[in-house]
PDB file of N, CA and C in Angstrom:
ATOM      1  N   MET A   1     147.135 363.910 221.771  1.00  0.00           N
ATOM      2  CA  MET A   1     148.421 364.023 221.120  1.00  0.00           C
ATOM      3  C   MET A   1     148.494 365.423 220.518  1.00  0.00           C
ATOM      4  N   GLN A   2     149.649 366.061 220.644  1.00  0.00           N
ATOM      5  CA  GLN A   2     149.839 367.392 220.084  1.00  0.00           C
ATOM      6  C   GLN A   2     151.070 367.408 219.184  1.00  0.00           C
ATOM      7  N   LEU A   3     150.957 368.155 218.083  1.00  0.00           N
ATOM      8  CA  LEU A   3     152.080 368.397 217.192  1.00  0.00           C
ATOM      9  C   LEU A   3     152.398 369.883 217.269  1.00  0.00           C
ATOM     10  N   TYR A   4     153.638 370.212 217.644  1.00  0.00           N
ATOM     11  CA  TYR A   4     154.098 371.590 217.765  1.00  0.00           C
ATOM     12  C   TYR A   4     155.044 371.885 216.603  1.00  0.00           C
ATOM     13  N   PRO A   5     154.672 372.772 215.677  1.00  0.00           N
ATOM     14  CA  PRO A   5     155.563 373.101 214.561  1.00  0.00           C
ATOM     15  C   PRO A   5     156.843 373.777 215.061  1.00  0.00           C
ATOM     16  N   LEU A   6     157.994 373.208 214.722  1.00  0.00           N
ATOM     17  CA  LEU A   6     159.292 373.756 215.117  1.00  0.00           C
ATOM     18  C   LEU A   6     159.964 374.515 213.988  1.00  0.00           C
ATOM     19  N   GLU A   7     159.850 373.976 212.772  1.00  0.00           N
ATOM     20  CA  GLU A   7     160.481 374.584 211.594  1.00  0.00           C
ATOM     21  C   GLU A   7     159.550 374.410 210.406  1.00  0.00           C
ATOM     22  N   GLY A   8     159.706 375.291 209.431  1.00  0.00           N
ATOM     23  CA  GLY A   8     158.932 375.180 208.207  1.00  0.00           C
ATOM     24  C   GLY A   8     157.889 376.272 208.079  1.00  0.00           C
ATOM     25  N   PRO A   9     157.061 376.199 207.023  1.00  0.00           N
ATOM     26  CA  PRO A   9     156.078 377.245 206.740  1.00  0.00           C
ATOM     27  C   PRO A   9     155.087 377.508 207.876  1.00  0.00           C
ATOM     28  N   ILE A  10     154.619 376.488 208.557  1.00  0.00           N
ATOM     29  CA  ILE A  10     153.647 376.697 209.640  1.00  0.00           C
ATOM     30  C   ILE A  10     154.294 377.443 210.791  1.00  0.00           C
ATOM     31  N   ALA A  11     155.492 377.044 211.208  1.00  0.00           N
ATOM     32  CA  ALA A  11     156.198 377.708 212.315  1.00  0.00           C
ATOM     33  C   ALA A  11     156.533 379.150 211.965  1.00  0.00           C
ATOM     34  N   ARG A  12     156.893 379.409 210.712  1.00  0.00           N
ATOM     35  CA  ARG A  12     157.216 380.776 210.304  1.00  0.00           C
ATOM     36  C   ARG A  12     155.977 381.678 210.301  1.00  0.00           C
ATOM     37  N   SER A  13     154.815 381.131 209.945  1.00  0.00           N
ATOM     38  CA  SER A  13     153.606 381.964 209.885  1.00  0.00           C
ATOM     39  C   SER A  13     153.006 382.204 211.264  1.00  0.00           C
ATOM     40  N   ASP A  14     153.095 381.212 212.176  1.00  0.00           N
ATOM     41  CA  ASP A  14     152.559 381.372 213.535  1.00  0.00           C
ATOM     42  C   ASP A  14     153.217 380.337 214.445  1.00  0.00           C
ATOM     43  N   ALA A  15     154.203 380.769 215.202  1.00  0.00           N
ATOM     44  CA  ALA A  15     154.973 379.855 216.063  1.00  0.00           C
ATOM     45  C   ALA A  15     154.164 379.342 217.252  1.00  0.00           C
ATOM     46  N   THR A  16     152.973 379.884 217.493  1.00  0.00           N
ATOM     47  CA  THR A  16     152.168 379.454 218.647  1.00  0.00           C
ATOM     48  C   THR A  16     151.153 378.367 218.303  1.00  0.00           C
ATOM     49  N   VAL A  17     151.114 377.938 217.056  1.00  0.00           N
ATOM     50  CA  VAL A  17     150.139 376.928 216.625  1.00  0.00           C
ATOM     51  C   VAL A  17     150.410 375.598 217.328  1.00  0.00           C
ATOM     52  N   VAL A  18     149.344 374.992 217.828  1.00  0.00           N
ATOM     53  CA  VAL A  18     149.401 373.640 218.384  1.00  0.00           C
ATOM     54  C   VAL A  18     148.346 372.821 217.639  1.00  0.00           C
ATOM     55  N   ILE A  19     148.771 371.748 217.013  1.00  0.00           N
ATOM     56  CA  ILE A  19     147.855 370.890 216.262  1.00  0.00           C
ATOM     57  C   ILE A  19     147.436 369.740 217.168  1.00  0.00           C
ATOM     58  N   GLU A  20     146.150 369.699 217.498  1.00  0.00           N
ATOM     59  CA  GLU A  20     145.604 368.646 218.358  1.00  0.00           C
ATOM     60  C   GLU A  20     145.248 367.438 217.502  1.00  0.00           C
ATOM     61  N   ALA A  21     145.788 366.302 217.839  1.00  0.00           N
ATOM     62  CA  ALA A  21     145.502 365.062 217.124  1.00  0.00           C
ATOM     63  C   ALA A  21     144.756 364.108 218.051  1.00  0.00           C
ATOM     64  N   THR A  22     143.848 363.341 217.482  1.00  0.00           N
ATOM     65  CA  THR A  22     143.102 362.345 218.245  1.00  0.00           C
ATOM     66  C   THR A  22     143.608 360.957 217.866  1.00  0.00           C
ATOM     67  N   ALA A  23     144.088 360.234 218.858  1.00  0.00           N
ATOM     68  CA  ALA A  23     144.556 358.861 218.663  1.00  0.00           C
ATOM     69  C   ALA A  23     143.554 357.926 219.324  1.00  0.00           C
ATOM     70  N   LYS A  24     143.056 356.963 218.570  1.00  0.00           N
ATOM     71  CA  LYS A  24     142.098 355.997 219.108  1.00  0.00           C
ATOM     72  C   LYS A  24     142.813 354.715 219.521  1.00  0.00           C
ATOM     73  N   ASN A  25     142.173 353.962 220.409  1.00  0.00           N
ATOM     74  CA  ASN A  25     142.686 352.681 220.910  1.00  0.00           C
ATOM     75  C   ASN A  25     144.015 352.849 221.638  1.00  0.00           C
ATOM     76  N   THR A  26     144.115 353.852 222.503  1.00  0.00           N
ATOM     77  CA  THR A  26     145.374 354.132 223.192  1.00  0.00           C
ATOM     78  C   THR A  26     145.751 353.062 224.213  1.00  0.00           C
ATOM     79  N   ARG A  27     144.867 352.157 224.533  1.00  0.00           N
ATOM     80  CA  ARG A  27     145.220 351.041 225.428  1.00  0.00           C
ATOM     81  C   ARG A  27     145.830 349.878 224.658  1.00  0.00           C
ATOM     82  N   GLY A  28     145.781 349.957 223.334  1.00  0.00           N
ATOM     83  CA  GLY A  28     146.338 348.908 222.494  1.00  0.00           C
ATOM     84  C   GLY A  28     147.710 349.294 221.975  1.00  0.00           C
ATOM     85  N   THR A  29     148.134 348.624 220.903  1.00  0.00           N
ATOM     86  CA  THR A  29     149.449 348.894 220.322  1.00  0.00           C
ATOM     87  C   THR A  29     149.373 349.596 218.979  1.00  0.00           C
ATOM     88  N   SER A  30     148.159 349.871 218.480  1.00  0.00           N
ATOM     89  CA  SER A  30     147.999 350.668 217.268  1.00  0.00           C
ATOM     90  C   SER A  30     146.559 351.144 217.172  1.00  0.00           C
ATOM     91  N   GLY A  31     146.353 352.162 216.362  1.00  0.00           N
ATOM     92  CA  GLY A  31     145.004 352.682 216.200  1.00  0.00           C
ATOM     93  C   GLY A  31     144.959 353.797 215.176  1.00  0.00           C
ATOM     94  N   GLU A  32     143.765 354.348 215.013  1.00  0.00           N
ATOM     95  CA  GLU A  32     143.557 355.429 214.063  1.00  0.00           C
ATOM     96  C   GLU A  32     144.062 356.751 214.631  1.00  0.00           C
ATOM     97  N   LEU A  33     144.450 357.649 213.736  1.00  0.00           N
ATOM     98  CA  LEU A  33     144.947 358.969 214.095  1.00  0.00           C
ATOM     99  C   LEU A  33     144.285 359.986 213.177  1.00  0.00           C
ATOM    100  N   SER A  34     143.804 361.103 213.729  1.00  0.00           N
ATOM    101  CA  SER A  34     143.215 362.151 212.896  1.00  0.00           C
ATOM    102  C   SER A  34     143.522 363.521 213.484  1.00  0.00           C
ATOM    103  N   PHE A  35     143.708 364.501 212.602  1.00  0.00           N
ATOM    104  CA  PHE A  35     143.976 365.879 213.009  1.00  0.00           C
ATOM    105  C   PHE A  35     143.744 366.797 211.820  1.00  0.00           C
ATOM    106  N   ARG A  36     143.787 368.093 212.071  1.00  0.00           N
ATOM    107  CA  ARG A  36     143.644 369.099 211.017  1.00  0.00           C
ATOM    108  C   ARG A  36     144.862 370.012 211.039  1.00  0.00           C
ATOM    109  N   LEU A  37     145.460 370.219 209.876  1.00  0.00           N
ATOM    110  CA  LEU A  37     146.540 371.189 209.750  1.00  0.00           C
ATOM    111  C   LEU A  37     145.949 372.591 209.801  1.00  0.00           C
ATOM    112  N   PRO A  38     146.759 373.628 210.045  1.00  0.00           N
ATOM    113  CA  PRO A  38     146.230 374.990 210.162  1.00  0.00           C
ATOM    114  C   PRO A  38     145.386 375.455 208.967  1.00  0.00           C
ATOM    115  N   GLU A  39     145.625 374.922 207.782  1.00  0.00           N
ATOM    116  CA  GLU A  39     144.829 375.295 206.610  1.00  0.00           C
ATOM    117  C   GLU A  39     143.472 374.598 206.619  1.00  0.00           C
ATOM    118  N   LYS A  40     143.112 373.974 207.738  1.00  0.00           N
ATOM    119  CA  LYS A  40     141.851 373.238 207.916  1.00  0.00           C
ATOM    120  C   LYS A  40     141.795 371.963 207.084  1.00  0.00           C
ATOM    121  N   LEU A  41     142.945 371.453 206.692  1.00  0.00           N
ATOM    122  CA  LEU A  41     143.004 370.206 205.946  1.00  0.00           C
ATOM    123  C   LEU A  41     142.934 369.026 206.893  1.00  0.00           C
ATOM    124  N   ARG A  42     141.983 368.136 206.666  1.00  0.00           N
ATOM    125  CA  ARG A  42     141.838 366.952 207.510  1.00  0.00           C
ATOM    126  C   ARG A  42     142.896 365.921 207.110  1.00  0.00           C
ATOM    127  N   CYS A  43     143.503 365.324 208.124  1.00  0.00           N
ATOM    128  CA  CYS A  43     144.515 364.287 207.926  1.00  0.00           C
ATOM    129  C   CYS A  43     144.094 363.045 208.716  1.00  0.00           C
ATOM    130  N   ASP A  44     144.182 361.888 208.093  1.00  0.00           N
ATOM    131  CA  ASP A  44     143.841 360.625 208.743  1.00  0.00           C
ATOM    132  C   ASP A  44     144.971 359.638 208.536  1.00  0.00           C
ATOM    133  N   GLY A  45     145.206 358.831 209.562  1.00  0.00           N
ATOM    134  CA  GLY A  45     146.274 357.847 209.459  1.00  0.00           C
ATOM    135  C   GLY A  45     146.252 356.864 210.599  1.00  0.00           C
ATOM    136  N   THR A  46     147.441 356.394 210.931  1.00  0.00           N
ATOM    137  CA  THR A  46     147.607 355.331 211.919  1.00  0.00           C
ATOM    138  C   THR A  46     148.779 355.638 212.828  1.00  0.00           C
ATOM    139  N   TRP A  47     148.660 355.234 214.069  1.00  0.00           N
ATOM    140  CA  TRP A  47     149.806 355.228 214.976  1.00  0.00           C
ATOM    141  C   TRP A  47     150.027 353.771 215.368  1.00  0.00           C
ATOM    142  N   THR A  48     151.246 353.418 215.642  1.00  0.00           N
ATOM    143  CA  THR A  48     151.545 352.061 216.085  1.00  0.00           C
ATOM    144  C   THR A  48     152.756 352.085 217.009  1.00  0.00           C
ATOM    145  N   SER A  49     152.751 351.188 217.980  1.00  0.00           N
ATOM    146  CA  SER A  49     153.843 351.091 218.937  1.00  0.00           C
ATOM    147  C   SER A  49     154.320 349.652 219.016  1.00  0.00           C
ATOM    148  N   LEU A  50     155.619 349.478 219.048  1.00  0.00           N
ATOM    149  CA  LEU A  50     156.205 348.143 219.155  1.00  0.00           C
ATOM    150  C   LEU A  50     156.355 347.803 220.632  1.00  0.00           C
ATOM    151  N   THR A  51     155.265 347.321 221.219  1.00  0.00           N
ATOM    152  CA  THR A  51     155.224 347.019 222.642  1.00  0.00           C
ATOM    153  C   THR A  51     155.260 345.510 222.832  1.00  0.00           C
ATOM    154  N   PRO A  52     156.383 344.974 223.305  1.00  0.00           N
ATOM    155  CA  PRO A  52     156.449 343.523 223.498  1.00  0.00           C
ATOM    156  C   PRO A  52     155.561 343.055 224.646  1.00  0.00           C
ATOM    157  N   ARG A  53     155.075 341.851 224.504  1.00  0.00           N
ATOM    158  CA  ARG A  53     154.235 341.248 225.542  1.00  0.00           C
ATOM    159  C   ARG A  53     154.760 339.851 225.863  1.00  0.00           C
ATOM    160  N   ILE A  54     154.575 339.450 227.110  1.00  0.00           N
ATOM    161  CA  ILE A  54     154.891 338.090 227.540  1.00  0.00           C
ATOM    162  C   ILE A  54     153.584 337.314 227.557  1.00  0.00           C
ATOM    163  N   VAL A  55     153.572 336.174 226.886  1.00  0.00           N
ATOM    164  CA  VAL A  55     152.387 335.325 226.881  1.00  0.00           C
ATOM    165  C   VAL A  55     152.718 334.073 227.664  1.00  0.00           C
ATOM    166  N   SER A  56     151.832 333.711 228.606  1.00  0.00           N
ATOM    167  CA  SER A  56     152.068 332.513 229.403  1.00  0.00           C
ATOM    168  C   SER A  56     150.851 331.607 229.351  1.00  0.00           C
ATOM    169  N   ARG A  57     151.118 330.327 229.428  1.00  0.00           N
ATOM    170  CA  ARG A  57     150.055 329.327 229.469  1.00  0.00           C
ATOM    171  C   ARG A  57     150.373 328.373 230.608  1.00  0.00           C
ATOM    172  N   SER A  58     149.338 327.965 231.299  1.00  0.00           N
ATOM    173  CA  SER A  58     149.571 327.022 232.391  1.00  0.00           C
ATOM    174  C   SER A  58     148.503 325.936 232.381  1.00  0.00           C
ATOM    175  N   LYS A  59     148.915 324.719 232.771  1.00  0.00           N
ATOM    176  CA  LYS A  59     147.983 323.625 232.979  1.00  0.00           C
ATOM    177  C   LYS A  59     148.663 322.627 233.895  1.00  0.00           C
ATOM    178  N   GLY A  60     147.880 321.993 234.685  1.00  0.00           N
ATOM    179  CA  GLY A  60     148.468 321.041 235.608  1.00  0.00           C
ATOM    180  C   GLY A  60     147.464 320.598 236.655  1.00  0.00           C
ATOM    181  N   LEU A  61     147.962 319.856 237.619  1.00  0.00           N
ATOM    182  CA  LEU A  61     147.145 319.281 238.677  1.00  0.00           C
ATOM    183  C   LEU A  61     147.588 319.848 240.009  1.00  0.00           C
ATOM    184  N   SER A  62     146.622 320.284 240.788  1.00  0.00           N
ATOM    185  CA  SER A  62     146.910 320.827 242.104  1.00  0.00           C
ATOM    186  C   SER A  62     146.360 319.869 243.154  1.00  0.00           C
ATOM    187  N   LEU A  63     147.185 319.501 244.152  1.00  0.00           N
ATOM    188  CA  LEU A  63     146.754 318.547 245.173  1.00  0.00           C
ATOM    189  C   LEU A  63     146.748 319.163 246.568  1.00  0.00           C
ATOM    190  N   THR A  64     146.422 320.424 246.678  1.00  0.00           N
ATOM    191  CA  THR A  64     146.344 321.051 247.992  1.00  0.00           C
ATOM    192  C   THR A  64     144.925 320.898 248.538  1.00  0.00           C
ATOM    193  N   LEU A  65     144.773 321.078 249.851  1.00  0.00           N
ATOM    194  CA  LEU A  65     143.447 320.959 250.454  1.00  0.00           C
ATOM    195  C   LEU A  65     142.521 322.096 250.046  1.00  0.00           C
ATOM    196  N   ARG A  66     143.058 323.263 249.849  1.00  0.00           N
ATOM    197  CA  ARG A  66     142.225 324.415 249.496  1.00  0.00           C
ATOM    198  C   ARG A  66     141.860 324.458 248.017  1.00  0.00           C
ATOM    199  N   LYS A  67     142.702 323.907 247.199  1.00  0.00           N
ATOM    200  CA  LYS A  67     142.490 324.039 245.766  1.00  0.00           C
ATOM    201  C   LYS A  67     142.845 322.712 245.096  1.00  0.00           C
ATOM    202  N   THR A  68     141.859 321.868 244.951  1.00  0.00           N
ATOM    203  CA  THR A  68     142.108 320.577 244.314  1.00  0.00           C
ATOM    204  C   THR A  68     141.623 320.617 242.870  1.00  0.00           C
ATOM    205  N   GLY A  69     142.169 319.779 242.067  1.00  0.00           N
ATOM    206  CA  GLY A  69     141.767 319.715 240.673  1.00  0.00           C
ATOM    207  C   GLY A  69     142.821 320.308 239.770  1.00  0.00           C
ATOM    208  N   GLY A  70     142.470 320.422 238.526  1.00  0.00           N
ATOM    209  CA  GLY A  70     143.400 320.939 237.529  1.00  0.00           C
ATOM    210  C   GLY A  70     143.242 322.436 237.328  1.00  0.00           C
ATOM    211  N   GLU A  71     144.216 322.964 236.668  1.00  0.00           N
ATOM    212  CA  GLU A  71     144.187 324.404 236.389  1.00  0.00           C
ATOM    213  C   GLU A  71     144.701 324.643 234.984  1.00  0.00           C
ATOM    214  N   ILE A  72     143.927 325.368 234.210  1.00  0.00           N
ATOM    215  CA  ILE A  72     144.336 325.743 232.861  1.00  0.00           C
ATOM    216  C   ILE A  72     144.149 327.244 232.748  1.00  0.00           C
ATOM    217  N   GLY A  73     145.119 327.914 232.168  1.00  0.00           N
ATOM    218  CA  GLY A  73     144.987 329.361 232.047  1.00  0.00           C
ATOM    219  C   GLY A  73     145.899 329.949 231.002  1.00  0.00           C
ATOM    220  N   ASN A  74     145.568 331.134 230.599  1.00  0.00           N
ATOM    221  CA  ASN A  74     146.368 331.919 229.664  1.00  0.00           C
ATOM    222  C   ASN A  74     146.542 333.301 230.256  1.00  0.00           C
ATOM    223  N   GLY A  75     147.585 333.959 229.902  1.00  0.00           N
ATOM    224  CA  GLY A  75     147.777 335.325 230.364  1.00  0.00           C
ATOM    225  C   GLY A  75     148.767 336.043 229.483  1.00  0.00           C
ATOM    226  N   SER A  76     148.674 337.353 229.474  1.00  0.00           N
ATOM    227  CA  SER A  76     149.668 338.159 228.783  1.00  0.00           C
ATOM    228  C   SER A  76     149.884 339.423 229.586  1.00  0.00           C
ATOM    229  N   GLU A  77     151.089 339.924 229.534  1.00  0.00           N
ATOM    230  CA  GLU A  77     151.405 341.146 230.257  1.00  0.00           C
ATOM    231  C   GLU A  77     152.405 341.953 229.450  1.00  0.00           C
ATOM    232  N   THR A  78     152.377 343.259 229.648  1.00  0.00           N
ATOM    233  CA  THR A  78     153.281 344.164 228.963  1.00  0.00           C
ATOM    234  C   THR A  78     154.636 344.127 229.645  1.00  0.00           C
ATOM    235  N   VAL A  79     155.694 344.085 228.843  1.00  0.00           N
ATOM    236  CA  VAL A  79     157.049 344.096 229.363  1.00  0.00           C
ATOM    237  C   VAL A  79     157.407 345.552 229.692  1.00  0.00           C
ATOM    238  N   ALA A  80     157.921 345.783 230.888  1.00  0.00           N
ATOM    239  CA  ALA A  80     158.291 347.141 231.285  1.00  0.00           C
ATOM    240  C   ALA A  80     159.450 347.645 230.442  1.00  0.00           C
ATOM    241  N   GLY A  81     159.419 348.919 230.114  1.00  0.00           N
ATOM    242  CA  GLY A  81     160.504 349.504 229.345  1.00  0.00           C
ATOM    243  C   GLY A  81     160.021 350.651 228.487  1.00  0.00           C
ATOM    244  N   VAL A  82     160.894 351.121 227.623  1.00  0.00           N
ATOM    245  CA  VAL A  82     160.571 352.197 226.693  1.00  0.00           C
ATOM    246  C   VAL A  82     160.491 351.572 225.304  1.00  0.00           C
ATOM    247  N   ASN A  83     159.396 351.838 224.607  1.00  0.00           N
ATOM    248  CA  ASN A  83     159.155 351.228 223.306  1.00  0.00           C
ATOM    249  C   ASN A  83     159.056 352.294 222.228  1.00  0.00           C
ATOM    250  N   SER A  84     159.376 351.916 221.010  1.00  0.00           N
ATOM    251  CA  SER A  84     159.306 352.868 219.903  1.00  0.00           C
ATOM    252  C   SER A  84     157.996 352.719 219.145  1.00  0.00           C
ATOM    253  N   GLY A  85     157.641 353.775 218.439  1.00  0.00           N
ATOM    254  CA  GLY A  85     156.418 353.757 217.656  1.00  0.00           C
ATOM    255  C   GLY A  85     156.516 354.707 216.484  1.00  0.00           C
ATOM    256  N   GLU A  86     155.495 354.668 215.620  1.00  0.00           N
ATOM    257  CA  GLU A  86     155.459 355.517 214.439  1.00  0.00           C
ATOM    258  C   GLU A  86     154.058 356.057 214.210  1.00  0.00           C
ATOM    259  N   ILE A  87     153.994 357.213 213.546  1.00  0.00           N
ATOM    260  CA  ILE A  87     152.726 357.738 213.051  1.00  0.00           C
ATOM    261  C   ILE A  87     152.867 357.953 211.555  1.00  0.00           C
ATOM    262  N   TYR A  88     151.749 357.810 210.845  1.00  0.00           N
ATOM    263  CA  TYR A  88     151.718 358.095 209.414  1.00  0.00           C
ATOM    264  C   TYR A  88     150.311 358.536 209.070  1.00  0.00           C
ATOM    265  N   ALA A  89     150.192 359.670 208.382  1.00  0.00           N
ATOM    266  CA  ALA A  89     148.878 360.182 207.994  1.00  0.00           C
ATOM    267  C   ALA A  89     148.963 360.840 206.627  1.00  0.00           C
ATOM    268  N   VAL A  90     147.837 360.810 205.924  1.00  0.00           N
ATOM    269  CA  VAL A  90     147.715 361.467 204.623  1.00  0.00           C
ATOM    270  C   VAL A  90     146.584 362.478 204.732  1.00  0.00           C
ATOM    271  N   CYS A  91     146.840 363.703 204.272  1.00  0.00           N
ATOM    272  CA  CYS A  91     145.858 364.777 204.350  1.00  0.00           C
ATOM    273  C   CYS A  91     145.060 364.878 203.053  1.00  0.00           C
ATOM    274  N   GLU A  92     143.978 365.653 203.106  1.00  0.00           N
ATOM    275  CA  GLU A  92     143.066 365.793 201.964  1.00  0.00           C
ATOM    276  C   GLU A  92     143.761 366.278 200.697  1.00  0.00           C
ATOM    277  N   ASP A  93     144.795 367.095 200.833  1.00  0.00           N
ATOM    278  CA  ASP A  93     145.493 367.623 199.662  1.00  0.00           C
ATOM    279  C   ASP A  93     146.677 366.754 199.230  1.00  0.00           C
ATOM    280  N   GLY A  94     146.847 365.598 199.878  1.00  0.00           N
ATOM    281  CA  GLY A  94     147.946 364.689 199.548  1.00  0.00           C
ATOM    282  C   GLY A  94     149.184 364.866 200.406  1.00  0.00           C
ATOM    283  N   THR A  95     149.190 365.865 201.298  1.00  0.00           N
ATOM    284  CA  THR A  95     150.319 366.035 202.217  1.00  0.00           C
ATOM    285  C   THR A  95     150.449 364.783 203.078  1.00  0.00           C
ATOM    286  N   ARG A  96     151.672 364.297 203.237  1.00  0.00           N
ATOM    287  CA  ARG A  96     151.930 363.129 204.079  1.00  0.00           C
ATOM    288  C   ARG A  96     152.692 363.571 205.328  1.00  0.00           C
ATOM    289  N   VAL A  97     152.258 363.071 206.472  1.00  0.00           N
ATOM    290  CA  VAL A  97     152.911 363.365 207.751  1.00  0.00           C
ATOM    291  C   VAL A  97     153.387 362.047 208.329  1.00  0.00           C
ATOM    292  N   GLN A  98     154.668 361.982 208.695  1.00  0.00           N
ATOM    293  CA  GLN A  98     155.185 360.758 209.308  1.00  0.00           C
ATOM    294  C   GLN A  98     156.168 361.111 210.401  1.00  0.00           C
ATOM    295  N   GLY A  99     156.220 360.247 211.421  1.00  0.00           N
ATOM    296  CA  GLY A  99     157.108 360.509 212.529  1.00  0.00           C
ATOM    297  C   GLY A  99     157.365 359.287 213.371  1.00  0.00           C
ATOM    298  N   THR A 100     158.256 359.456 214.327  1.00  0.00           N
ATOM    299  CA  THR A 100     158.590 358.386 215.259  1.00  0.00           C
ATOM    300  C   THR A 100     158.481 358.931 216.678  1.00  0.00           C
ATOM    301  N   PHE A 101     158.252 358.027 217.624  1.00  0.00           N
ATOM    302  CA  PHE A 101     158.152 358.419 219.021  1.00  0.00           C
ATOM    303  C   PHE A 101     158.595 357.279 219.915  1.00  0.00           C
ATOM    304  N   VAL A 102     158.820 357.595 221.179  1.00  0.00           N
ATOM    305  CA  VAL A 102     159.059 356.580 222.203  1.00  0.00           C
ATOM    306  C   VAL A 102     157.945 356.711 223.231  1.00  0.00           C
ATOM    307  N   ILE A 103     157.579 355.580 223.807  1.00  0.00           N
ATOM    308  CA  ILE A 103     156.468 355.524 224.752  1.00  0.00           C
ATOM    309  C   ILE A 103     156.817 354.536 225.856  1.00  0.00           C
ATOM    310  N   GLY A 104     156.396 354.832 227.074  1.00  0.00           N
ATOM    311  CA  GLY A 104     156.605 353.906 228.178  1.00  0.00           C
ATOM    312  C   GLY A 104     155.618 352.754 228.109  1.00  0.00           C
ATOM    313  N   SER A 105     156.065 351.544 228.405  1.00  0.00           N
ATOM    314  CA  SER A 105     155.173 350.382 228.394  1.00  0.00           C
ATOM    315  C   SER A 105     154.024 350.592 229.359  1.00  0.00           C
ATOM    316  N   GLY A 106     152.825 350.280 228.879  1.00  0.00           N
ATOM    317  CA  GLY A 106     151.643 350.375 229.722  1.00  0.00           C
ATOM    318  C   GLY A 106     151.170 351.796 229.958  1.00  0.00           C
ATOM    319  N   THR A 107     151.728 352.774 229.243  1.00  0.00           N
ATOM    320  CA  THR A 107     151.310 354.168 229.419  1.00  0.00           C
ATOM    321  C   THR A 107     150.734 354.691 228.114  1.00  0.00           C
ATOM    322  N   ALA A 108     150.100 355.833 228.183  1.00  0.00           N
ATOM    323  CA  ALA A 108     149.589 356.497 226.986  1.00  0.00           C
ATOM    324  C   ALA A 108     150.292 357.838 226.825  1.00  0.00           C
ATOM    325  N   SER A 109     151.581 357.886 227.174  1.00  0.00           N
ATOM    326  CA  SER A 109     152.335 359.130 227.026  1.00  0.00           C
ATOM    327  C   SER A 109     153.662 358.851 226.341  1.00  0.00           C
ATOM    328  N   GLY A 110     154.097 359.846 225.567  1.00  0.00           N
ATOM    329  CA  GLY A 110     155.348 359.681 224.857  1.00  0.00           C
ATOM    330  C   GLY A 110     155.795 360.975 224.227  1.00  0.00           C
ATOM    331  N   THR A 111     156.913 360.897 223.501  1.00  0.00           N
ATOM    332  CA  THR A 111     157.496 362.067 222.847  1.00  0.00           C
ATOM    333  C   THR A 111     158.196 361.623 221.568  1.00  0.00           C
ATOM    334  N   GLY A 112     158.254 362.526 220.592  1.00  0.00           N
ATOM    335  CA  GLY A 112     158.922 362.196 219.349  1.00  0.00           C
ATOM    336  C   GLY A 112     158.953 363.370 218.403  1.00  0.00           C
ATOM    337  N   THR A 113     159.223 363.091 217.135  1.00  0.00           N
ATOM    338  CA  THR A 113     159.255 364.115 216.101  1.00  0.00           C
ATOM    339  C   THR A 113     158.510 363.610 214.866  1.00  0.00           C
ATOM    340  N   ALA A 114     158.043 364.562 214.062  1.00  0.00           N
ATOM    341  CA  ALA A 114     157.360 364.224 212.818  1.00  0.00           C
ATOM    342  C   ALA A 114     157.718 365.267 211.770  1.00  0.00           C
ATOM    343  N   THR A 115     157.584 364.899 210.513  1.00  0.00           N
ATOM    344  CA  THR A 115     157.805 365.807 209.393  1.00  0.00           C
ATOM    345  C   THR A 115     156.656 365.639 208.407  1.00  0.00           C
ATOM    346  N   ASP A 116     156.488 366.633 207.537  1.00  0.00           N
ATOM    347  CA  ASP A 116     155.513 366.469 206.466  1.00  0.00           C
ATOM    348  C   ASP A 116     156.155 366.797 205.132  1.00  0.00           C
ATOM    349  N   THR A 117     155.444 366.507 204.063  1.00  0.00           N
ATOM    350  CA  THR A 117     155.986 366.696 202.716  1.00  0.00           C
ATOM    351  C   THR A 117     155.981 368.160 202.283  1.00  0.00           C
ATOM    352  N   ASN A 118     155.517 369.072 203.149  1.00  0.00           N
ATOM    353  CA  ASN A 118     155.554 370.507 202.861  1.00  0.00           C
ATOM    354  C   ASN A 118     156.738 371.191 203.538  1.00  0.00           C
ATOM    355  N   GLY A 119     157.635 370.420 204.158  1.00  0.00           N
ATOM    356  CA  GLY A 119     158.822 370.982 204.782  1.00  0.00           C
ATOM    357  C   GLY A 119     158.667 371.379 206.236  1.00  0.00           C
ATOM    358  N   ASN A 120     157.584 370.947 206.894  1.00  0.00           N
ATOM    359  CA  ASN A 120     157.384 371.248 208.314  1.00  0.00           C
ATOM    360  C   ASN A 120     157.988 370.157 209.182  1.00  0.00           C
ATOM    361  N   ILE A 121     158.546 370.577 210.321  1.00  0.00           N
ATOM    362  CA  ILE A 121     159.067 369.646 211.324  1.00  0.00           C
ATOM    363  C   ILE A 121     158.294 369.920 212.609  1.00  0.00           C
ATOM    364  N   TYR A 122     157.815 368.848 213.251  1.00  0.00           N
ATOM    365  CA  TYR A 122     156.978 368.970 214.442  1.00  0.00           C
ATOM    366  C   TYR A 122     157.588 368.248 215.631  1.00  0.00           C
ATOM    367  N   LYS A 123     157.355 368.775 216.825  1.00  0.00           N
ATOM    368  CA  LYS A 123     157.608 368.059 218.076  1.00  0.00           C
ATOM    369  C   LYS A 123     156.303 367.359 218.385  1.00  0.00           C
ATOM    370  N   LEU A 124     156.361 366.093 218.717  1.00  0.00           N
ATOM    371  CA  LEU A 124     155.187 365.280 219.008  1.00  0.00           C
ATOM    372  C   LEU A 124     155.172 364.952 220.495  1.00  0.00           C
ATOM    373  N   LEU A 125     154.102 365.321 221.189  1.00  0.00           N
ATOM    374  CA  LEU A 125     153.956 365.028 222.611  1.00  0.00           C
ATOM    375  C   LEU A 125     152.575 364.463 222.870  1.00  0.00           C
ATOM    376  N   PHE A 126     152.491 363.493 223.771  1.00  0.00           N
ATOM    377  CA  PHE A 126     151.190 362.966 224.188  1.00  0.00           C
ATOM    378  C   PHE A 126     151.309 362.303 225.527  1.00  0.00           C
TER     379      PHE A 126
END
């Protein structure tokens, strides 16, 4: 995940800065997030995505020649579509970073925006 400063003190001091963020559990719907701002301040937080899932349960009796007996099962699958998500992190100096993004179902890529309490606005890509 990358945060690109668009406006604010960071963008004014160096418009080429790219803040690399590490998101854990990207196959799930939420996880830990960590990155460092240009002042070397560590920030830790959470990302989460509202990804709907279909849950199915089955049980019954099968009377075919190839497959006799009962069948019981559970399953879940991701619903195709575009889902929304959020990030929130707190840095060592108390700076708070929060943002929103959209992500494709079943993918680990998305786009969005974030802001911090120091007046910075970021483009969020992953």
